[in-house]
Amino acid sequence: MSDKKAIHFGGGNIGRGFVAEFLHNSGFEVVFIDVIDSLIETLQKTSSYEVTEIGPEGETKFTIDNFRAINSKHEMEKVVKEIATADIVTCAVGPNILKFIAEPIAKGIEAREKSDPLAVVACENAIGATDTLRGFIEQKLSESTKSNIKDKARFANSAIDRIVPLQDEGMGMNVKIEKFYEWCVESEPFKPAGPPNIKGVHYVEDLQPYIERKLFTVNTGHATAAYYGYNKGKTYVHEVLEDKELHDIVQNTLKETAHLITSKFEHISKQEQDDYVQAIVKRISNPVLKDVVSRVGRAPLRKLSRKERFIGPAAHLAESGDKIDCLLGGIEMALRFQNVEGDEESADLAKKLKEKNATEATKEITGLEENHPLFKRVEEVVAKVQKESS
């Protein structure tokens, strides 16, 4: 038994295959929390599972054990008790679910039995996800706990980067995951004591450059390939990159975001960013990943929101009068990702585009203000897609 305990919300592939792998390898007992009955029941009956890392040079397998699983839908009190005695809480639940996991974490912080503060790190594909989670948690805390929050909990934002490909049939709890990874966490919130000792985590003074570089390169590139691929009838992301015309579109989109990254963060040189872009394009071109375009493209409304992978960089670039033609192309392809089977957001997107005029739809989908220099250009794209979808 380990004397270090980690609570992880979200028993999905990122949770089991990335976050839990790191925590397990660092000597933590991992307690998975989820609301999906079948998932929790399977984890409760499983004593260990396998993580297979796939890279260009082949596969490496790791066994993950020393974990437990609790269903927060049925055993909330148990979850609170576990948090009260844990060292760290992590989550990979999707940004929209953060508000739902805030209550048990808040109750666990209130009932804290350990003298050391609880480390809280959200592992989501969103900028400042831990700050967002903290906001929801603080709404549930007593005034006295809030005023001494540093004694009870430390909140650190993180940036994670690892591709989880489509899993093979009958994998059970086993997970296939890309060998490449990056997990950066802010070090500042843990001062003066120092951050949790998690092998493989890169603690950094300033997370912003890492978050934006990752979001506006990996996520923008991946989503651009997926949306163009979907609209051109491709099945896998690697097939998109094998098509010269589409490969060039992805590269040119990432030239636009690279210009933003290198002008905003002076310590990232043009050469360094170009090397990073080429490494990312190589990663998403890997046929072994069998990355399905409809999976990568799902949740288009979130991906078209204000701080996300398209509108986020395009807004910055538009403000300084820089080129955004390729990003606008990606935005158009994302707007065409409508009524895709198994993706509710794509149906919601189709509904918004059908029921609202171009101005209203642009406002609602992108969160841009009408006087923003990007607004009119996106509105034109929205109007074009509406006309061609009707």
Protein backbone atom coordinates (compact mmCIF):
# COMPACT_ATOMS: atom_id res chain seq x y z
CA MET A 1 0.00 0.00 0.00
CA SER A 2 1.21 3.46 -0.86
CA ASP A 3 1.06 6.28 1.68
CA LYS A 4 0.57 8.77 -1.17
CA LYS A 5 -2.95 9.04 -2.54
CA ALA A 6 -4.24 10.69 -5.71
CA ILE A 7 -7.91 11.21 -6.57
CA HIS A 8 -8.63 11.30 -10.28
CA PHE A 9 -12.01 12.40 -11.68
CA GLY A 10 -12.69 10.76 -15.04
CA GLY A 11 -12.03 7.10 -15.78
CA GLY A 12 -11.69 7.60 -19.55
CA ASN A 13 -8.68 6.86 -21.73
CA ILE A 14 -6.75 10.05 -20.85
CA GLY A 15 -7.43 9.44 -17.14
CA ARG A 16 -6.38 5.79 -17.19
CA GLY A 17 -3.74 5.99 -19.89
CA PHE A 18 -1.96 9.26 -19.20
CA VAL A 19 -2.68 10.87 -15.82
CA ALA A 20 -3.01 7.64 -13.82
CA GLU A 21 0.08 6.18 -15.50
CA PHE A 22 2.18 9.14 -14.29
CA LEU A 23 0.67 9.08 -10.79
CA HIS A 24 1.11 5.30 -10.52
CA ASN A 25 4.73 5.49 -11.68
CA SER A 26 5.34 8.15 -9.01
CA GLY A 27 4.15 5.88 -6.17
CA PHE A 28 0.59 7.18 -5.71
CA GLU A 29 -2.40 4.98 -5.04
CA VAL A 30 -4.97 6.21 -7.58
CA VAL A 31 -8.67 6.48 -6.73
CA PHE A 32 -10.77 6.86 -9.88
CA ILE A 33 -14.04 8.80 -9.55
CA ASP A 34 -16.71 8.66 -12.25
CA VAL A 35 -20.49 8.51 -12.70
CA ILE A 36 -20.60 5.86 -15.44
CA ASP A 37 -21.83 2.73 -13.66
CA SER A 38 -20.38 0.20 -16.12
CA LEU A 39 -16.94 1.87 -16.10
CA ILE A 40 -16.68 2.01 -12.31
CA GLU A 41 -17.97 -1.56 -11.91
CA THR A 42 -15.37 -2.82 -14.41
CA LEU A 43 -12.56 -0.90 -12.67
CA GLN A 44 -13.70 -2.27 -9.30
CA LYS A 45 -13.46 -5.83 -10.65
CA THR A 46 -10.08 -5.21 -12.32
CA SER A 47 -6.88 -5.53 -10.29
CA SER A 48 -4.63 -4.19 -13.05
CA TYR A 49 -4.74 -2.99 -16.66
CA GLU A 50 -2.21 -2.38 -19.39
CA VAL A 51 -1.12 0.87 -21.04
CA THR A 52 0.44 0.41 -24.47
CA GLU A 53 2.51 3.33 -25.70
CA ILE A 54 2.75 3.44 -29.49
CA GLY A 55 5.51 5.29 -31.30
CA PRO A 56 7.33 5.18 -34.65
CA GLU A 57 9.74 2.56 -33.26
CA GLY A 58 7.07 0.19 -31.91
CA GLU A 59 5.13 -0.49 -28.72
CA THR A 60 5.98 -0.44 -25.00
CA LYS A 61 3.62 -1.93 -22.41
CA PHE A 62 3.16 -0.90 -18.76
CA THR A 63 1.01 -2.49 -16.06
CA ILE A 64 -1.05 -0.18 -13.84
CA ASP A 65 -2.21 -1.51 -10.46
CA ASN A 66 -2.70 -0.08 -6.94
CA PHE A 67 -5.94 1.71 -7.82
CA ARG A 68 -9.53 1.79 -6.61
CA ALA A 69 -12.74 3.19 -8.13
CA ILE A 70 -15.78 4.94 -6.63
CA ASN A 71 -19.05 5.99 -8.26
CA SER A 72 -19.69 9.58 -7.16
CA LYS A 73 -23.32 9.31 -8.29
CA HIS A 74 -24.04 6.74 -5.58
CA GLU A 75 -21.27 7.19 -2.99
CA MET A 76 -20.62 10.91 -2.70
CA GLU A 77 -19.77 10.74 1.03
CA LYS A 78 -17.06 8.18 0.34
CA VAL A 79 -15.59 10.44 -2.34
CA VAL A 80 -15.49 13.39 0.08
CA LYS A 81 -13.68 11.27 2.70
CA GLU A 82 -11.10 10.14 0.14
CA ILE A 83 -10.42 13.78 -0.89
CA ALA A 84 -10.08 14.80 2.77
CA THR A 85 -7.10 12.42 3.12
CA ALA A 86 -5.59 12.72 -0.39
CA ASP A 87 -2.41 14.44 -1.54
CA ILE A 88 -3.57 15.47 -4.99
CA VAL A 89 -6.77 15.75 -7.03
CA THR A 90 -6.59 15.62 -10.82
CA CYS A 91 -9.31 15.45 -13.44
CA ALA A 92 -9.80 14.72 -17.13
CA VAL A 93 -13.56 15.09 -17.50
CA GLY A 94 -13.97 17.75 -20.19
CA PRO A 95 -14.22 21.49 -19.45
CA ASN A 96 -18.05 21.42 -19.34
CA ILE A 97 -18.06 18.92 -16.44
CA LEU A 98 -15.80 20.93 -14.09
CA LYS A 99 -18.78 22.59 -12.38
CA PHE A 100 -20.16 19.16 -11.41
CA ILE A 101 -16.99 17.85 -9.76
CA ALA A 102 -16.48 21.09 -7.78
CA GLU A 103 -18.88 20.17 -4.96
CA PRO A 104 -17.19 16.95 -3.78
CA ILE A 105 -13.78 18.63 -4.01
CA ALA A 106 -15.05 21.61 -1.98
CA LYS A 107 -16.51 19.28 0.67
CA GLY A 108 -13.25 17.31 0.75
CA ILE A 109 -11.28 20.53 1.26
CA GLU A 110 -13.65 21.57 4.10
CA ALA A 111 -13.18 18.13 5.73
CA ARG A 112 -9.40 18.11 5.15
CA GLU A 113 -7.64 15.79 7.61
CA LYS A 114 -4.09 16.14 6.28
CA SER A 115 -1.92 19.01 7.44
CA ASP A 116 -0.43 19.49 3.98
CA PRO A 117 -2.59 21.40 1.48
CA LEU A 118 -4.32 19.39 -1.26
CA ALA A 119 -2.83 19.87 -4.74
CA VAL A 120 -5.56 20.44 -7.35
CA VAL A 121 -4.56 20.10 -11.03
CA ALA A 122 -7.10 20.00 -13.87
CA CYS A 123 -5.82 18.10 -16.94
CA GLU A 124 -8.19 19.47 -19.58
CA ASN A 125 -7.76 20.71 -23.12
CA ALA A 126 -8.57 24.29 -22.15
CA ILE A 127 -6.64 27.37 -21.06
CA GLY A 128 -6.72 27.97 -17.29
CA ALA A 129 -8.90 24.93 -16.54
CA THR A 130 -7.72 24.73 -12.91
CA ASP A 131 -8.65 28.41 -12.43
CA THR A 132 -12.11 27.62 -13.81
CA LEU A 133 -12.46 24.64 -11.47
CA ARG A 134 -11.23 26.74 -8.54
CA GLY A 135 -13.95 29.30 -9.27
CA PHE A 136 -16.63 26.61 -9.03
CA ILE A 137 -15.05 25.12 -5.87
CA GLU A 138 -14.85 28.50 -4.12
CA GLN A 139 -18.58 29.06 -4.67
CA LYS A 140 -19.13 26.01 -2.44
CA LEU A 141 -16.61 26.85 0.32
CA SER A 142 -17.29 28.53 3.65
CA GLU A 143 -15.88 32.06 4.11
CA SER A 144 -13.40 30.86 6.76
CA THR A 145 -11.99 28.15 4.49
CA LYS A 146 -11.81 30.60 1.58
CA SER A 147 -9.86 33.12 3.63
CA ASN A 148 -7.24 30.46 4.53
CA ILE A 149 -7.41 28.56 1.27
CA LYS A 150 -3.60 28.28 0.85
CA ASP A 151 -3.45 26.17 4.04
CA LYS A 152 -6.06 23.76 2.67
CA ALA A 153 -5.47 23.60 -1.09
CA ARG A 154 -3.10 24.75 -3.84
CA PHE A 155 -4.46 25.18 -7.37
CA ALA A 156 -2.11 24.87 -10.35
CA ASN A 157 -2.98 25.17 -14.03
CA SER A 158 -1.54 22.61 -16.39
CA ALA A 159 -1.12 21.94 -20.10
CA ILE A 160 -1.32 18.36 -21.31
CA ASP A 161 -0.48 17.01 -24.73
CA ARG A 162 -0.88 13.38 -25.69
CA ILE A 163 -2.96 11.80 -28.44
CA VAL A 164 -5.24 8.92 -27.52
CA PRO A 165 -6.08 7.08 -30.75
CA LEU A 166 -9.26 5.14 -31.44
CA GLN A 167 -9.11 2.07 -29.21
CA ASP A 168 -9.30 -1.46 -30.60
CA GLU A 169 -12.42 -3.54 -29.96
CA GLY A 170 -12.42 -5.53 -26.72
CA MET A 171 -9.65 -3.55 -25.00
CA GLY A 172 -11.56 -3.49 -21.69
CA MET A 173 -9.70 -1.18 -19.30
CA ASN A 174 -6.46 -1.42 -21.31
CA VAL A 175 -5.46 1.77 -23.12
CA LYS A 176 -3.44 2.45 -26.25
CA ILE A 177 -1.77 5.85 -26.17
CA GLU A 178 0.79 7.83 -28.14
CA LYS A 179 4.36 7.58 -26.80
CA PHE A 180 4.99 11.34 -27.10
CA TYR A 181 3.69 13.40 -24.17
CA GLU A 182 4.01 16.80 -22.56
CA TRP A 183 2.52 17.65 -19.16
CA CYS A 184 3.47 21.10 -17.90
CA VAL A 185 2.27 22.37 -14.51
CA GLU A 186 2.71 25.78 -12.84
CA SER A 187 5.25 25.67 -10.01
CA GLU A 188 4.39 29.06 -8.45
CA PRO A 189 1.23 27.96 -6.52
CA PHE A 190 3.22 25.32 -4.59
CA LYS A 191 5.80 27.71 -3.15
CA PRO A 192 7.52 27.64 -0.71
CA ALA A 193 7.07 23.90 -0.03
CA GLY A 194 7.54 22.73 -3.60
CA PRO A 195 5.26 20.86 -6.02
CA PRO A 196 4.08 17.22 -5.82
CA ASN A 197 6.73 14.77 -6.98
CA ILE A 198 5.22 13.38 -10.19
CA LYS A 199 7.70 11.77 -12.59
CA GLY A 200 7.39 13.15 -16.12
CA VAL A 201 5.67 16.41 -15.14
CA HIS A 202 7.54 19.52 -16.28
CA TYR A 203 7.05 22.25 -13.65
CA VAL A 204 7.35 25.75 -15.11
CA GLU A 205 7.34 29.30 -13.72
CA ASP A 206 5.09 30.66 -16.49
CA LEU A 207 2.64 28.24 -18.10
CA GLN A 208 1.06 30.64 -20.60
CA PRO A 209 3.59 30.14 -23.44
CA TYR A 210 3.31 26.34 -23.13
CA ILE A 211 -0.50 26.39 -23.04
CA GLU A 212 -0.88 28.70 -26.02
CA ARG A 213 1.89 27.04 -28.04
CA LYS A 214 0.26 23.65 -27.52
CA LEU A 215 -3.35 24.79 -28.04
CA PHE A 216 -2.59 26.90 -31.12
CA THR A 217 -0.26 24.33 -32.71
CA VAL A 218 -1.32 20.80 -31.72
CA ASN A 219 -5.04 21.46 -31.28
CA THR A 220 -5.36 23.95 -34.14
CA GLY A 221 -3.41 21.66 -36.48
CA HIS A 222 -5.21 18.50 -35.42
CA ALA A 223 -8.67 20.10 -35.71
CA THR A 224 -7.86 21.77 -39.05
CA ALA A 225 -6.81 18.40 -40.48
CA ALA A 226 -9.91 16.71 -39.03
CA TYR A 227 -12.47 19.26 -40.31
CA TYR A 228 -10.95 19.48 -43.79
CA GLY A 229 -10.69 15.70 -43.84
CA TYR A 230 -14.30 15.26 -42.79
CA ASN A 231 -15.51 17.62 -45.51
CA LYS A 232 -13.35 15.88 -48.12
CA GLY A 233 -14.59 12.40 -47.19
CA LYS A 234 -11.38 11.17 -45.51
CA THR A 235 -11.60 8.66 -42.63
CA TYR A 236 -8.28 9.16 -40.81
CA VAL A 237 -6.15 12.20 -39.99
CA HIS A 238 -3.04 10.59 -41.53
CA GLU A 239 -4.92 10.32 -44.86
CA VAL A 240 -5.56 14.07 -44.71
CA LEU A 241 -1.82 14.75 -44.32
CA GLU A 242 -1.00 12.38 -47.21
CA ASP A 243 -3.09 14.64 -49.51
CA LYS A 244 -0.67 17.37 -50.68
CA GLU A 245 -3.32 20.11 -50.95
CA LEU A 246 -4.66 19.43 -47.44
CA HIS A 247 -1.16 18.97 -45.99
CA ASP A 248 -0.28 22.46 -47.30
CA ILE A 249 -3.46 23.93 -45.77
CA VAL A 250 -2.52 22.53 -42.33
CA GLN A 251 1.08 23.79 -42.69
CA ASN A 252 -0.07 27.27 -43.78
CA THR A 253 -2.58 27.47 -40.91
CA LEU A 254 0.24 26.68 -38.49
CA LYS A 255 2.39 29.40 -40.12
CA GLU A 256 -0.30 31.88 -39.04
CA THR A 257 -0.40 30.61 -35.46
CA ALA A 258 3.44 30.36 -35.37
CA HIS A 259 3.62 34.07 -36.19
CA LEU A 260 1.36 34.75 -33.19
CA ILE A 261 3.39 32.53 -30.83
CA THR A 262 6.79 33.99 -31.80
CA SER A 263 5.61 37.60 -31.67
CA LYS A 264 3.78 37.15 -28.35
CA PHE A 265 6.46 35.12 -26.56
CA GLU A 266 9.86 36.58 -27.41
CA HIS A 267 11.84 33.70 -25.88
CA ILE A 268 10.33 31.26 -28.45
CA SER A 269 12.41 31.74 -31.62
CA LYS A 270 11.03 31.31 -35.15
CA GLN A 271 13.31 28.28 -35.64
CA GLU A 272 12.18 26.65 -32.37
CA GLN A 273 8.52 27.14 -33.25
CA ASP A 274 9.06 25.82 -36.79
CA ASP A 275 10.75 22.69 -35.37
CA TYR A 276 7.81 22.28 -32.97
CA VAL A 277 5.29 22.64 -35.84
CA GLN A 278 7.11 20.02 -37.95
CA ALA A 279 7.27 17.62 -34.98
CA ILE A 280 3.51 18.05 -34.45
CA VAL A 281 2.67 17.52 -38.14
CA LYS A 282 4.80 14.36 -38.07
CA ARG A 283 2.97 13.14 -34.95
CA ILE A 284 -0.54 13.63 -36.34
CA SER A 285 0.57 12.06 -39.65
CA ASN A 286 1.39 8.79 -37.88
CA PRO A 287 -0.80 6.06 -39.50
CA VAL A 288 -0.37 3.80 -36.43
CA LEU A 289 -2.59 6.22 -34.45
CA LYS A 290 -5.57 5.52 -36.75
CA ASP A 291 -7.02 8.87 -35.67
CA VAL A 292 -10.59 9.09 -37.00
CA VAL A 293 -11.49 12.59 -38.30
CA SER A 294 -15.04 12.50 -36.89
CA ARG A 295 -13.63 11.71 -33.42
CA VAL A 296 -11.05 14.50 -33.54
CA GLY A 297 -13.67 16.96 -34.84
CA ARG A 298 -16.36 16.25 -32.27
CA ALA A 299 -17.65 19.06 -30.02
CA PRO A 300 -17.36 21.79 -32.71
CA LEU A 301 -19.15 24.42 -30.58
CA ARG A 302 -16.48 24.16 -27.89
CA LYS A 303 -13.74 24.20 -30.51
CA LEU A 304 -15.21 27.35 -32.09
CA SER A 305 -15.56 29.19 -28.75
CA ARG A 306 -13.77 32.45 -27.89
CA LYS A 307 -10.53 31.20 -26.30
CA GLU A 308 -10.23 28.00 -28.26
CA ARG A 309 -8.02 26.74 -31.11
CA PHE A 310 -9.50 28.79 -34.01
CA ILE A 311 -11.10 31.98 -32.66
CA GLY A 312 -8.42 32.41 -29.94
CA PRO A 313 -5.43 32.81 -32.29
CA ALA A 314 -7.45 34.43 -35.10
CA ALA A 315 -8.70 37.13 -32.70
CA HIS A 316 -5.15 37.98 -31.55
CA LEU A 317 -3.89 38.11 -35.14
CA ALA A 318 -6.85 40.19 -36.35
CA GLU A 319 -6.20 42.71 -33.56
CA SER A 320 -2.68 43.30 -34.91
CA GLY A 321 -3.79 43.26 -38.56
CA ASP A 322 -1.98 40.00 -39.35
CA LYS A 323 -2.94 37.30 -41.87
CA ILE A 324 -5.78 34.93 -40.83
CA ASP A 325 -6.99 33.51 -44.17
CA CYS A 326 -6.08 29.90 -43.33
CA LEU A 327 -7.62 30.07 -39.84
CA LEU A 328 -10.83 31.40 -41.44
CA GLY A 329 -10.75 28.37 -43.75
CA GLY A 330 -10.54 26.08 -40.72
CA ILE A 331 -13.40 27.97 -39.08
CA GLU A 332 -15.51 27.42 -42.20
CA MET A 333 -14.76 23.68 -42.21
CA ALA A 334 -15.62 23.45 -38.48
CA LEU A 335 -18.95 25.23 -39.17
CA ARG A 336 -19.68 22.57 -41.80
CA PHE A 337 -19.23 19.78 -39.21
CA GLN A 338 -23.00 19.42 -38.70
CA ASN A 339 -25.28 16.54 -37.63
CA VAL A 340 -22.42 14.08 -37.28
CA GLU A 341 -23.54 10.77 -35.83
CA GLY A 342 -22.78 10.43 -32.11
CA ASP A 343 -21.90 14.11 -31.63
CA GLU A 344 -24.61 16.22 -29.97
CA GLU A 345 -22.72 19.48 -30.43
CA SER A 346 -22.64 19.04 -34.21
CA ALA A 347 -26.46 18.79 -34.14
CA ASP A 348 -26.66 21.89 -31.89
CA LEU A 349 -24.38 23.73 -34.31
CA ALA A 350 -26.65 22.87 -37.25
CA LYS A 351 -29.68 24.07 -35.25
CA LYS A 352 -28.05 27.42 -34.34
CA LEU A 353 -26.99 28.04 -37.93
CA LYS A 354 -30.49 27.24 -39.17
CA GLU A 355 -32.47 29.23 -36.59
CA LYS A 356 -30.35 32.39 -36.19
CA ASN A 357 -29.22 35.07 -38.58
CA ALA A 358 -25.50 35.36 -39.35
CA THR A 359 -24.86 38.11 -36.76
CA GLU A 360 -26.64 36.26 -33.92
CA ALA A 361 -25.05 32.93 -34.83
CA THR A 362 -21.55 34.47 -34.98
CA LYS A 363 -22.03 36.11 -31.58
CA GLU A 364 -23.38 32.98 -29.94
CA ILE A 365 -20.98 30.46 -31.45
CA THR A 366 -17.73 32.46 -31.18
CA GLY A 367 -18.35 34.75 -28.20
CA LEU A 368 -16.81 37.64 -30.20
CA GLU A 369 -18.03 41.18 -29.64
CA GLU A 370 -19.54 42.82 -32.74
CA ASN A 371 -16.92 45.58 -32.72
CA HIS A 372 -14.00 43.09 -32.67
CA PRO A 373 -11.86 43.23 -35.85
CA LEU A 374 -12.41 39.49 -36.40
CA PHE A 375 -16.22 39.61 -36.11
CA LYS A 376 -17.16 40.76 -39.63
CA ARG A 377 -14.82 38.27 -41.28
CA VAL A 378 -16.23 35.34 -39.32
CA GLU A 379 -19.77 36.61 -39.90
CA GLU A 380 -19.14 36.41 -43.67
CA VAL A 381 -18.02 32.79 -43.29
CA VAL A 382 -21.08 31.98 -41.15
CA ALA A 383 -23.40 33.56 -43.75
CA LYS A 384 -21.71 31.54 -46.54
CA VAL A 385 -22.11 28.25 -44.63
CA GLN A 386 -25.73 29.09 -43.74
CA LYS A 387 -26.54 29.78 -47.39
CA GLU A 388 -24.93 26.54 -48.55
CA SER A 389 -26.43 24.42 -45.73
CA SER A 390 -30.01 25.51 -46.29
